[in-house]
Amino acid sequence: MANKTIGHVKCLECGEQSEVRMSEKNNFAYHVCPGCGNQSFCRSRGCSDGLLNRMEPVGQAGKDEPVKEVNDGFFN
C-alpha cells in the first residue's frame, strides 16, 4: 500500500520542498526529497510530532494539490 503525501517541509540537505508522509508501519512522519533523494525517518513520537508541527499541510498556503498516493517501494 502506498503512503500519502500529507504536507511539505524544506529539505535539510538541498533546501528544496520535500514531501511529508506517514509511515503505515509505525504511524510516524517522515520526509522524502524528490530533488536530492534524501529520506529522513522519525524513530520517536517526539520527532514525528515535531515534523508534523513544522510541515505545511497539503492544500494550504496556495498549494491546492490533492493528497496523492505514492508508491516508493520502501514500505511495500
N, C-alpha and C. Protein backbone atom coordinates (compact mmCIF):
# COMPACT_ATOMS: atom_id res chain seq x y z
N MET A 1 0.85 -1.18 0.00
CA MET A 1 0.00 0.00 0.00
C MET A 1 0.89 1.24 0.00
N ALA A 2 0.51 2.22 -0.77
CA ALA A 2 1.30 3.44 -0.91
C ALA A 2 1.02 4.41 0.25
N ASN A 3 2.05 5.15 0.64
CA ASN A 3 1.91 6.17 1.67
C ASN A 3 1.52 7.49 1.03
N LYS A 4 0.67 8.25 1.69
CA LYS A 4 0.17 9.50 1.14
C LYS A 4 1.02 10.69 1.58
N THR A 5 1.19 11.63 0.66
CA THR A 5 1.84 12.90 0.99
C THR A 5 0.83 13.74 1.75
N ILE A 6 1.20 14.16 2.97
CA ILE A 6 0.27 14.93 3.80
C ILE A 6 0.72 16.38 3.96
N GLY A 7 1.94 16.70 3.53
CA GLY A 7 2.43 18.06 3.67
C GLY A 7 3.81 18.21 3.06
N HIS A 8 4.40 19.39 3.29
CA HIS A 8 5.71 19.70 2.74
C HIS A 8 6.57 20.43 3.77
N VAL A 9 7.87 20.17 3.73
CA VAL A 9 8.85 20.91 4.53
C VAL A 9 10.07 21.16 3.64
N LYS A 10 10.92 22.07 4.08
CA LYS A 10 12.16 22.36 3.37
C LYS A 10 13.15 21.22 3.64
N CYS A 11 13.76 20.69 2.58
CA CYS A 11 14.74 19.61 2.72
C CYS A 11 15.94 20.10 3.51
N LEU A 12 16.40 19.29 4.43
CA LEU A 12 17.56 19.63 5.26
C LEU A 12 18.86 19.61 4.47
N GLU A 13 18.91 18.87 3.37
CA GLU A 13 20.13 18.73 2.59
C GLU A 13 20.26 19.76 1.48
N CYS A 14 19.21 19.91 0.64
CA CYS A 14 19.32 20.77 -0.54
C CYS A 14 18.46 22.01 -0.50
N GLY A 15 17.51 22.09 0.44
CA GLY A 15 16.67 23.26 0.57
C GLY A 15 15.42 23.25 -0.30
N GLU A 16 15.27 22.22 -1.15
CA GLU A 16 14.05 22.13 -1.96
C GLU A 16 12.88 21.65 -1.11
N GLN A 17 11.70 21.71 -1.69
CA GLN A 17 10.49 21.28 -0.99
C GLN A 17 10.43 19.76 -0.98
N SER A 18 10.37 19.17 0.21
CA SER A 18 10.26 17.72 0.32
C SER A 18 8.86 17.35 0.79
N GLU A 19 8.48 16.10 0.54
CA GLU A 19 7.15 15.61 0.87
C GLU A 19 7.15 14.95 2.25
N VAL A 20 6.18 15.30 3.06
CA VAL A 20 6.00 14.66 4.36
C VAL A 20 4.95 13.56 4.19
N ARG A 21 5.28 12.39 4.66
CA ARG A 21 4.39 11.22 4.57
C ARG A 21 4.27 10.57 5.94
N MET A 22 3.28 9.72 6.10
CA MET A 22 3.10 8.96 7.33
C MET A 22 3.41 7.50 7.05
N SER A 23 4.25 6.92 7.88
CA SER A 23 4.59 5.51 7.76
C SER A 23 3.41 4.66 8.22
N GLU A 24 3.05 3.68 7.42
CA GLU A 24 1.99 2.77 7.82
C GLU A 24 2.50 1.74 8.83
N LYS A 25 3.81 1.57 8.86
CA LYS A 25 4.42 0.58 9.75
C LYS A 25 4.31 0.99 11.22
N ASN A 26 4.64 2.27 11.53
CA ASN A 26 4.63 2.71 12.92
C ASN A 26 3.87 4.02 13.14
N ASN A 27 3.24 4.55 12.09
CA ASN A 27 2.45 5.78 12.15
C ASN A 27 3.30 6.99 12.56
N PHE A 28 4.57 7.02 12.17
CA PHE A 28 5.45 8.17 12.38
C PHE A 28 5.61 8.91 11.05
N ALA A 29 5.81 10.22 11.15
CA ALA A 29 6.04 11.04 9.96
C ALA A 29 7.47 10.86 9.46
N TYR A 30 7.66 11.02 8.17
CA TYR A 30 8.99 11.05 7.56
C TYR A 30 8.92 11.95 6.35
N HIS A 31 10.07 12.37 5.82
CA HIS A 31 10.02 13.16 4.60
C HIS A 31 11.00 12.65 3.57
N VAL A 32 10.60 12.85 2.30
CA VAL A 32 11.36 12.40 1.14
C VAL A 32 11.51 13.58 0.20
N CYS A 33 12.74 13.86 -0.21
CA CYS A 33 13.01 14.96 -1.14
C CYS A 33 13.13 14.42 -2.55
N PRO A 34 12.27 14.88 -3.47
CA PRO A 34 12.39 14.43 -4.85
C PRO A 34 13.61 15.03 -5.56
N GLY A 35 14.15 16.12 -5.02
CA GLY A 35 15.29 16.78 -5.64
C GLY A 35 16.60 16.03 -5.44
N CYS A 36 16.95 15.76 -4.18
CA CYS A 36 18.23 15.13 -3.88
C CYS A 36 18.09 13.67 -3.44
N GLY A 37 16.87 13.21 -3.20
CA GLY A 37 16.66 11.83 -2.81
C GLY A 37 16.81 11.57 -1.32
N ASN A 38 17.06 12.61 -0.53
CA ASN A 38 17.19 12.44 0.92
C ASN A 38 15.89 11.93 1.52
N GLN A 39 16.01 10.99 2.44
CA GLN A 39 14.87 10.48 3.20
C GLN A 39 15.22 10.60 4.67
N SER A 40 14.32 11.17 5.46
CA SER A 40 14.56 11.33 6.89
C SER A 40 13.39 10.71 7.64
N PHE A 41 13.70 9.69 8.46
CA PHE A 41 12.68 8.94 9.17
C PHE A 41 12.72 9.24 10.66
N CYS A 42 11.57 9.49 11.24
CA CYS A 42 11.46 9.70 12.68
C CYS A 42 11.39 8.35 13.38
N ARG A 43 12.11 8.23 14.46
CA ARG A 43 12.14 6.98 15.23
C ARG A 43 11.52 7.14 16.61
N SER A 44 10.89 8.30 16.86
CA SER A 44 10.21 8.51 18.14
C SER A 44 8.97 9.37 17.90
N ARG A 45 8.05 9.32 18.84
CA ARG A 45 6.83 10.12 18.74
C ARG A 45 7.16 11.61 18.77
N GLY A 46 8.13 12.01 19.59
CA GLY A 46 8.51 13.43 19.68
C GLY A 46 9.04 13.97 18.37
N CYS A 47 9.88 13.20 17.70
CA CYS A 47 10.41 13.61 16.39
C CYS A 47 9.28 13.73 15.37
N SER A 48 8.40 12.74 15.34
CA SER A 48 7.29 12.74 14.41
C SER A 48 6.37 13.94 14.64
N ASP A 49 6.06 14.22 15.90
CA ASP A 49 5.21 15.36 16.23
C ASP A 49 5.86 16.68 15.82
N GLY A 50 7.19 16.78 16.01
CA GLY A 50 7.91 17.98 15.62
C GLY A 50 7.85 18.21 14.12
N LEU A 51 8.03 17.15 13.35
CA LEU A 51 7.94 17.26 11.89
C LEU A 51 6.53 17.65 11.46
N LEU A 52 5.53 17.06 12.08
CA LEU A 52 4.14 17.40 11.74
C LEU A 52 3.83 18.86 12.08
N ASN A 53 4.41 19.38 13.15
CA ASN A 53 4.19 20.78 13.53
C ASN A 53 4.88 21.75 12.58
N ARG A 54 6.01 21.33 11.99
CA ARG A 54 6.76 22.20 11.08
C ARG A 54 6.25 22.17 9.65
N MET A 55 5.54 21.13 9.27
CA MET A 55 5.14 20.98 7.87
C MET A 55 4.03 21.95 7.48
N GLU A 56 3.95 22.19 6.19
CA GLU A 56 2.87 22.95 5.60
C GLU A 56 1.91 21.92 5.00
N PRO A 57 0.71 21.79 5.56
CA PRO A 57 -0.22 20.75 5.08
C PRO A 57 -0.56 20.91 3.60
N VAL A 58 -0.79 19.79 2.94
CA VAL A 58 -1.22 19.80 1.55
C VAL A 58 -2.54 20.55 1.46
N GLY A 59 -2.67 21.40 0.44
CA GLY A 59 -3.91 22.13 0.23
C GLY A 59 -3.97 23.47 0.92
N GLN A 60 -2.91 23.89 1.63
CA GLN A 60 -2.90 25.19 2.30
C GLN A 60 -1.83 26.07 1.70
N ALA A 61 -1.95 27.36 1.95
CA ALA A 61 -0.97 28.36 1.51
C ALA A 61 -0.74 28.31 0.01
N GLY A 62 -1.83 28.22 -0.74
CA GLY A 62 -1.74 28.26 -2.19
C GLY A 62 -1.41 26.93 -2.84
N LYS A 63 -1.22 25.90 -2.08
CA LYS A 63 -0.93 24.59 -2.63
C LYS A 63 -2.23 23.80 -2.67
N ASP A 64 -2.94 23.94 -3.76
CA ASP A 64 -4.25 23.31 -3.89
C ASP A 64 -4.17 21.94 -4.54
N GLU A 65 -3.04 21.30 -4.42
CA GLU A 65 -2.91 19.97 -4.99
C GLU A 65 -3.58 18.96 -4.06
N PRO A 66 -4.20 17.95 -4.62
CA PRO A 66 -4.83 16.93 -3.78
C PRO A 66 -3.79 16.05 -3.13
N VAL A 67 -4.18 15.37 -2.07
CA VAL A 67 -3.30 14.36 -1.46
C VAL A 67 -3.11 13.27 -2.50
N LYS A 68 -1.85 12.91 -2.75
CA LYS A 68 -1.60 11.94 -3.80
C LYS A 68 -1.03 10.65 -3.21
N GLU A 69 -1.34 9.57 -3.87
CA GLU A 69 -0.80 8.27 -3.49
C GLU A 69 0.62 8.17 -4.04
N VAL A 70 1.53 7.63 -3.28
CA VAL A 70 2.89 7.41 -3.74
C VAL A 70 3.24 5.95 -3.49
N ASN A 71 4.02 5.40 -4.37
CA ASN A 71 4.46 4.03 -4.21
C ASN A 71 5.96 4.01 -4.43
N ASP A 72 6.72 4.30 -3.36
CA ASP A 72 8.16 4.35 -3.49
C ASP A 72 8.81 2.98 -3.28
N GLY A 73 8.01 1.98 -3.00
CA GLY A 73 8.53 0.63 -2.85
C GLY A 73 9.24 0.37 -1.54
N PHE A 74 9.39 1.40 -0.72
CA PHE A 74 10.15 1.26 0.51
C PHE A 74 9.40 0.44 1.56
N PHE A 75 8.11 0.71 1.72
CA PHE A 75 7.34 0.02 2.75
C PHE A 75 6.45 -1.08 2.18
N ASN A 76 6.63 -1.38 0.94
CA ASN A 76 5.76 -2.38 0.30
C ASN A 76 6.39 -3.73 0.31
